[in-house]
Amino acid sequence: MTNLIHNRRPYKSLTARTAVIVAGMLSVTAAHAGTATQPSNRPTNLQLGASVVYSDKGYRNYDGNTNVYPAIFYENHRFYVRGNQLGVNLIQDRQQNLALNAQYTGDSYDASEASGAFKGLDDRDASVMVGASYQRNIQYVAVRGQVVTDVSGNSDGTTARLSVGTRLPRNDWTLYPSAGLQWQDKKYNDYYYGITAAEAARTGIAQYSPSSSVHPFISVAANYQLNPKVMLFVNPSIAYNVDDIHDSPKIDSRLAWGTTLGATYKLR
């Protein structure tokens, strides 16, 4: 879930006359995308709801994952919960934000949902990733970097991402286009995209061990304020599977994409 969806004034907004909206289809983490923060004097805010998340990482003989999750968004001067991410702000003002955070994420793989020999592969589970993020608001854009490491004992891998985004409000709609790069280390890629020797012997699929990689991505999050209490949101996104990932026997597409749909009700 993108962090941008439930943030209101992270940096200067483009006017309707000068805004040019470039819509892309993308997700990562959720996730993967999103980045705005609030001034430190923002009041406490609590929103509850639900979201439907579809993710297609480009796995061969695999239809992708659809899941329903509770949508919880809570903000005060120091702590926050934003969908699948929780954190604590160390520095927060109108120009910058430094935070420690944890999130539940990853390119999970349920072999029972695959077909053919791929049913014999091991499952890959989503991971709890812990790390830090820094955002700098510059005129009409926000530049954000984040580094997180798996602490759940699944991949034991590390990822880092750098993104640039902006906020485009118009009436009851607000769009948050962003684009950037995500780096994934060898441990992360090996867990989610590799084929172990045991799996190769069991299934006949070629053994494979990818290296680290850098993926470009784009995302356009949007929310619609249905009334003062109810907000609807959507976050389509797409990432490019570079050679180290695409060469895996598990992958048959250059594109990894997904979208999140949901609604929240503001309690306070």
Protein backbone atom coordinates (compact mmCIF):
# COMPACT_ATOMS: atom_id res chain seq x y z
CA MET A 1 0.00 0.00 0.00
CA THR A 2 1.38 3.33 -0.93
CA ASN A 3 2.06 5.82 1.83
CA LEU A 4 0.94 8.69 -0.37
CA ILE A 5 -2.72 7.79 -0.36
CA HIS A 6 -3.48 9.08 3.10
CA ASN A 7 -1.18 12.09 3.22
CA ARG A 8 -2.61 15.48 2.44
CA ARG A 9 0.08 18.22 2.16
CA PRO A 10 3.59 16.83 1.87
CA TYR A 11 4.91 19.46 -0.52
CA LYS A 12 3.68 22.12 -2.95
CA SER A 13 0.91 20.91 -5.27
CA LEU A 14 0.85 21.58 -9.01
CA THR A 15 -2.07 23.73 -10.14
CA ALA A 16 -4.68 22.35 -12.55
CA ARG A 17 -3.24 24.47 -15.38
CA THR A 18 0.31 23.22 -14.99
CA ALA A 19 -0.35 19.61 -13.92
CA VAL A 20 0.44 16.97 -16.52
CA ILE A 21 -0.75 13.54 -15.36
CA VAL A 22 1.22 10.60 -16.75
CA ALA A 23 -0.63 7.44 -15.68
CA GLY A 24 1.33 4.17 -15.36
CA MET A 25 0.39 0.72 -14.19
CA LEU A 26 2.62 -0.43 -11.36
CA SER A 27 3.04 -1.75 -7.83
CA VAL A 28 6.00 -3.04 -5.93
CA THR A 29 5.98 -2.88 -2.82
CA ALA A 30 2.99 -2.44 -2.61
CA ALA A 31 3.92 -1.16 -1.82
CA HIS A 32 6.24 -0.66 -2.85
CA ALA A 33 5.68 2.96 -4.16
CA GLY A 34 4.47 5.90 -2.30
CA THR A 35 6.15 8.44 -0.17
CA ALA A 36 4.70 11.58 1.32
CA THR A 37 4.98 12.80 4.86
CA GLN A 38 3.21 15.42 6.93
CA PRO A 39 4.27 18.51 8.83
CA SER A 40 5.04 17.70 12.44
CA ASN A 41 1.94 19.57 13.68
CA ARG A 42 -0.50 17.21 11.97
CA PRO A 43 -3.33 16.08 14.33
CA THR A 44 -3.94 12.45 15.17
CA ASN A 45 -5.80 10.66 12.37
CA LEU A 46 -7.35 7.16 12.35
CA GLN A 47 -8.94 5.49 9.32
CA LEU A 48 -10.18 1.89 9.05
CA GLY A 49 -11.31 -0.07 6.01
CA ALA A 50 -10.48 -2.93 3.68
CA SER A 51 -8.47 -3.45 0.51
CA VAL A 52 -8.24 -6.03 -2.29
CA VAL A 53 -4.71 -6.59 -3.58
CA TYR A 54 -3.87 -8.34 -6.86
CA SER A 55 -0.23 -9.13 -7.67
CA ASP A 56 1.25 -10.79 -10.78
CA LYS A 57 5.05 -11.08 -10.59
CA GLY A 58 5.30 -12.78 -13.99
CA TYR A 59 5.63 -16.33 -12.63
CA ARG A 60 5.35 -19.12 -15.24
CA ASN A 61 2.22 -21.34 -15.05
CA TYR A 62 0.89 -19.16 -12.23
CA ASP A 63 -2.13 -16.85 -12.23
CA GLY A 64 -1.02 -14.39 -9.59
CA ASN A 65 -2.33 -13.69 -6.09
CA THR A 66 -5.51 -11.98 -4.94
CA ASN A 67 -5.89 -11.18 -1.23
CA VAL A 68 -8.22 -9.16 0.97
CA TYR A 69 -6.63 -7.23 3.84
CA PRO A 70 -7.81 -4.84 6.53
CA ALA A 71 -6.80 -1.26 5.73
CA ILE A 72 -5.56 0.54 8.84
CA PHE A 73 -4.14 4.05 8.70
CA TYR A 74 -3.10 5.83 11.87
CA GLU A 75 -0.99 8.96 12.21
CA ASN A 76 0.13 11.05 15.16
CA HIS A 77 3.11 13.32 15.67
CA ARG A 78 5.53 10.41 16.09
CA PHE A 79 4.07 7.03 15.10
CA TYR A 80 2.19 5.79 12.05
CA VAL A 81 0.50 2.72 10.54
CA ARG A 82 -0.04 2.83 6.77
CA GLY A 83 -1.52 -0.37 5.42
CA ASN A 84 1.25 -2.96 5.59
CA GLN A 85 3.80 -0.57 7.10
CA LEU A 86 4.32 0.81 10.59
CA GLY A 87 6.98 3.22 11.70
CA VAL A 88 8.30 5.96 13.92
CA ASN A 89 9.33 9.42 12.68
CA LEU A 90 12.74 10.57 13.89
CA ILE A 91 12.70 13.83 11.93
CA GLN A 92 9.57 15.32 10.41
CA ASP A 93 8.84 18.77 9.01
CA ARG A 94 7.71 20.30 5.72
CA GLN A 95 11.08 19.77 4.04
CA GLN A 96 12.12 16.30 5.15
CA ASN A 97 11.22 13.09 6.95
CA LEU A 98 13.49 10.43 8.46
CA ALA A 99 11.75 7.31 9.80
CA LEU A 100 12.40 3.80 11.04
CA ASN A 101 9.84 1.35 9.68
CA ALA A 102 8.77 -2.26 9.34
CA GLN A 103 6.56 -3.79 6.67
CA TYR A 104 5.14 -7.14 5.58
CA THR A 105 6.06 -7.65 1.95
CA GLY A 106 7.70 -9.91 -0.61
CA ASP A 107 7.11 -11.83 -3.83
CA SER A 108 5.30 -14.78 -2.20
CA TYR A 109 4.81 -17.99 -4.21
CA ASP A 110 2.24 -20.69 -3.41
CA ALA A 111 3.29 -23.78 -5.39
CA SER A 112 -0.17 -25.36 -5.00
CA GLU A 113 -1.51 -22.58 -7.26
CA ALA A 114 0.99 -23.40 -10.04
CA SER A 115 0.56 -26.02 -12.76
CA GLY A 116 2.75 -28.76 -14.22
CA ALA A 117 6.18 -29.39 -12.76
CA PHE A 118 6.03 -26.05 -10.94
CA LYS A 119 3.66 -27.59 -8.39
CA GLY A 120 6.71 -29.41 -7.04
CA LEU A 121 8.58 -26.23 -6.12
CA ASP A 122 8.81 -25.02 -2.55
CA ASP A 123 6.56 -22.21 -1.35
CA ARG A 124 8.09 -18.77 -0.84
CA ASP A 125 6.60 -16.69 1.95
CA ALA A 126 6.26 -12.93 2.28
CA SER A 127 8.74 -11.42 4.73
CA VAL A 128 8.87 -8.90 7.55
CA MET A 129 11.30 -6.21 6.36
CA VAL A 130 12.78 -3.67 8.78
CA GLY A 131 14.80 -0.58 7.90
CA ALA A 132 14.77 3.17 7.41
CA SER A 133 13.50 5.74 4.92
CA TYR A 134 14.36 9.34 4.14
CA GLN A 135 12.28 11.81 2.11
CA ARG A 136 13.19 15.27 0.88
CA ASN A 137 10.48 17.60 -0.44
CA ILE A 138 11.78 19.86 -3.21
CA GLN A 139 9.32 22.33 -4.76
CA TYR A 140 6.71 20.18 -6.56
CA VAL A 141 8.29 16.77 -6.01
CA ALA A 142 9.33 14.44 -3.21
CA VAL A 143 12.49 12.33 -3.45
CA ARG A 144 12.50 9.27 -1.20
CA GLY A 145 14.96 6.51 -0.41
CA GLN A 146 14.38 3.39 1.65
CA VAL A 147 16.53 0.42 2.73
CA VAL A 148 14.98 -2.65 4.41
CA THR A 149 16.24 -6.10 5.44
CA ASP A 150 14.31 -9.32 6.05
CA VAL A 151 14.15 -10.19 9.75
CA SER A 152 11.68 -13.08 9.45
CA GLY A 153 14.28 -15.64 8.34
CA ASN A 154 12.83 -16.23 4.87
CA SER A 155 15.13 -14.64 2.29
CA ASP A 156 17.44 -12.85 4.76
CA GLY A 157 17.76 -10.42 1.86
CA THR A 158 17.97 -6.65 1.57
CA THR A 159 16.24 -4.26 -0.82
CA ALA A 160 16.65 -0.54 -1.46
CA ARG A 161 14.55 1.83 -3.48
CA LEU A 162 14.79 5.40 -4.75
CA SER A 163 11.70 7.15 -6.08
CA VAL A 164 10.49 10.57 -7.22
CA GLY A 165 6.82 11.51 -6.93
CA THR A 166 4.39 14.38 -6.81
CA ARG A 167 0.86 15.21 -5.62
CA LEU A 168 -1.81 16.34 -8.09
CA PRO A 169 -5.10 17.39 -6.46
CA ARG A 170 -8.25 18.20 -8.44
CA ASN A 171 -11.59 18.62 -6.71
CA ASP A 172 -12.31 15.41 -4.76
CA TRP A 173 -9.55 13.47 -6.56
CA THR A 174 -5.88 13.38 -5.72
CA LEU A 175 -3.28 11.57 -7.85
CA TYR A 176 0.21 10.56 -6.76
CA PRO A 177 2.35 9.50 -9.75
CA SER A 178 5.84 8.22 -8.94
CA ALA A 179 8.72 6.39 -10.59
CA GLY A 180 12.03 5.00 -9.48
CA LEU A 181 14.44 2.10 -9.12
CA GLN A 182 14.53 -0.83 -6.71
CA TRP A 183 17.69 -2.80 -5.91
CA GLN A 184 17.40 -6.37 -4.62
CA ASP A 185 20.40 -8.29 -3.30
CA LYS A 186 21.36 -11.85 -4.25
CA LYS A 187 19.81 -13.42 -1.14
CA TYR A 188 16.44 -11.80 -1.83
CA ASN A 189 16.46 -12.79 -5.51
CA ASP A 190 17.72 -16.31 -4.79
CA TYR A 191 14.88 -16.97 -2.35
CA TYR A 192 12.04 -15.66 -4.51
CA TYR A 193 13.31 -16.40 -8.03
CA GLY A 194 15.95 -19.13 -7.69
CA ILE A 195 15.56 -22.89 -8.21
CA THR A 196 17.45 -24.94 -5.61
CA ALA A 197 19.32 -28.18 -6.35
CA ALA A 198 16.68 -30.12 -4.38
CA GLU A 199 13.85 -28.51 -6.39
CA ALA A 200 15.66 -29.24 -9.67
CA ALA A 201 16.15 -32.92 -8.74
CA ARG A 202 12.50 -33.24 -7.68
CA THR A 203 10.84 -31.44 -10.61
CA GLY A 204 13.25 -31.57 -13.55
CA ILE A 205 13.26 -27.76 -13.72
CA ALA A 206 16.75 -26.35 -14.26
CA GLN A 207 18.61 -25.14 -11.17
CA TYR A 208 19.02 -21.37 -11.13
CA SER A 209 20.63 -18.83 -8.83
CA PRO A 210 20.22 -15.14 -9.80
CA SER A 211 22.52 -12.27 -8.87
CA SER A 212 21.47 -8.93 -7.40
CA SER A 213 19.41 -6.69 -9.67
CA VAL A 214 18.01 -3.19 -10.21
CA HIS A 215 14.41 -2.81 -11.41
CA PRO A 216 12.71 0.32 -12.80
CA PHE A 217 9.11 0.90 -11.71
CA ILE A 218 6.27 3.37 -12.05
CA SER A 219 3.08 3.83 -10.03
CA VAL A 220 0.01 6.05 -9.96
CA ALA A 221 -1.90 6.04 -6.68
CA ALA A 222 -5.22 7.85 -6.54
CA ASN A 223 -7.84 8.58 -3.94
CA TYR A 224 -11.37 9.91 -4.14
CA GLN A 225 -12.99 11.68 -1.19
CA LEU A 226 -16.55 10.32 -1.43
CA ASN A 227 -17.63 12.35 1.60
CA PRO A 228 -15.89 13.84 4.67
CA LYS A 229 -15.60 10.36 6.23
CA VAL A 230 -15.22 7.88 3.34
CA MET A 231 -12.23 7.67 1.01
CA LEU A 232 -11.86 5.32 -1.96
CA PHE A 233 -8.38 4.49 -3.26
CA VAL A 234 -6.63 2.61 -6.06
CA ASN A 235 -2.92 2.00 -6.68
CA PRO A 236 -1.96 0.36 -10.01
CA SER A 237 1.73 -0.25 -10.59
CA ILE A 238 4.21 -2.02 -12.85
CA ALA A 239 7.87 -3.02 -12.65
CA TYR A 240 10.29 -4.39 -15.23
CA ASN A 241 11.85 -7.83 -14.70
CA VAL A 242 15.50 -7.41 -15.70
CA ASP A 243 17.59 -10.29 -17.04
CA ASP A 244 18.65 -11.74 -13.67
CA ILE A 245 14.98 -12.24 -12.82
CA HIS A 246 13.57 -12.90 -16.29
CA ASP A 247 16.14 -15.66 -16.93
CA SER A 248 14.75 -17.69 -14.03
CA PRO A 249 12.76 -20.77 -15.13
CA LYS A 250 10.02 -19.52 -12.79
CA ILE A 251 9.48 -16.30 -14.80
CA ASP A 252 7.93 -15.91 -18.25
CA SER A 253 7.12 -12.18 -18.38
CA ARG A 254 9.17 -9.00 -18.46
CA LEU A 255 6.50 -7.20 -16.45
CA ALA A 256 5.49 -7.56 -12.82
CA TRP A 257 2.32 -5.66 -12.05
CA GLY A 258 -0.45 -5.32 -9.55
CA THR A 259 -3.13 -3.09 -8.17
CA THR A 260 -4.82 -2.30 -4.87
CA LEU A 261 -8.45 -1.25 -4.48
CA GLY A 262 -10.00 -0.22 -1.21
CA ALA A 263 -11.96 2.11 0.98
CA THR A 264 -11.49 3.63 4.43
CA TYR A 265 -13.74 5.31 6.98
CA LYS A 266 -12.32 8.17 9.02
CA LEU A 267 -12.99 7.70 12.74
CA ARG A 268 -11.18 10.86 13.84
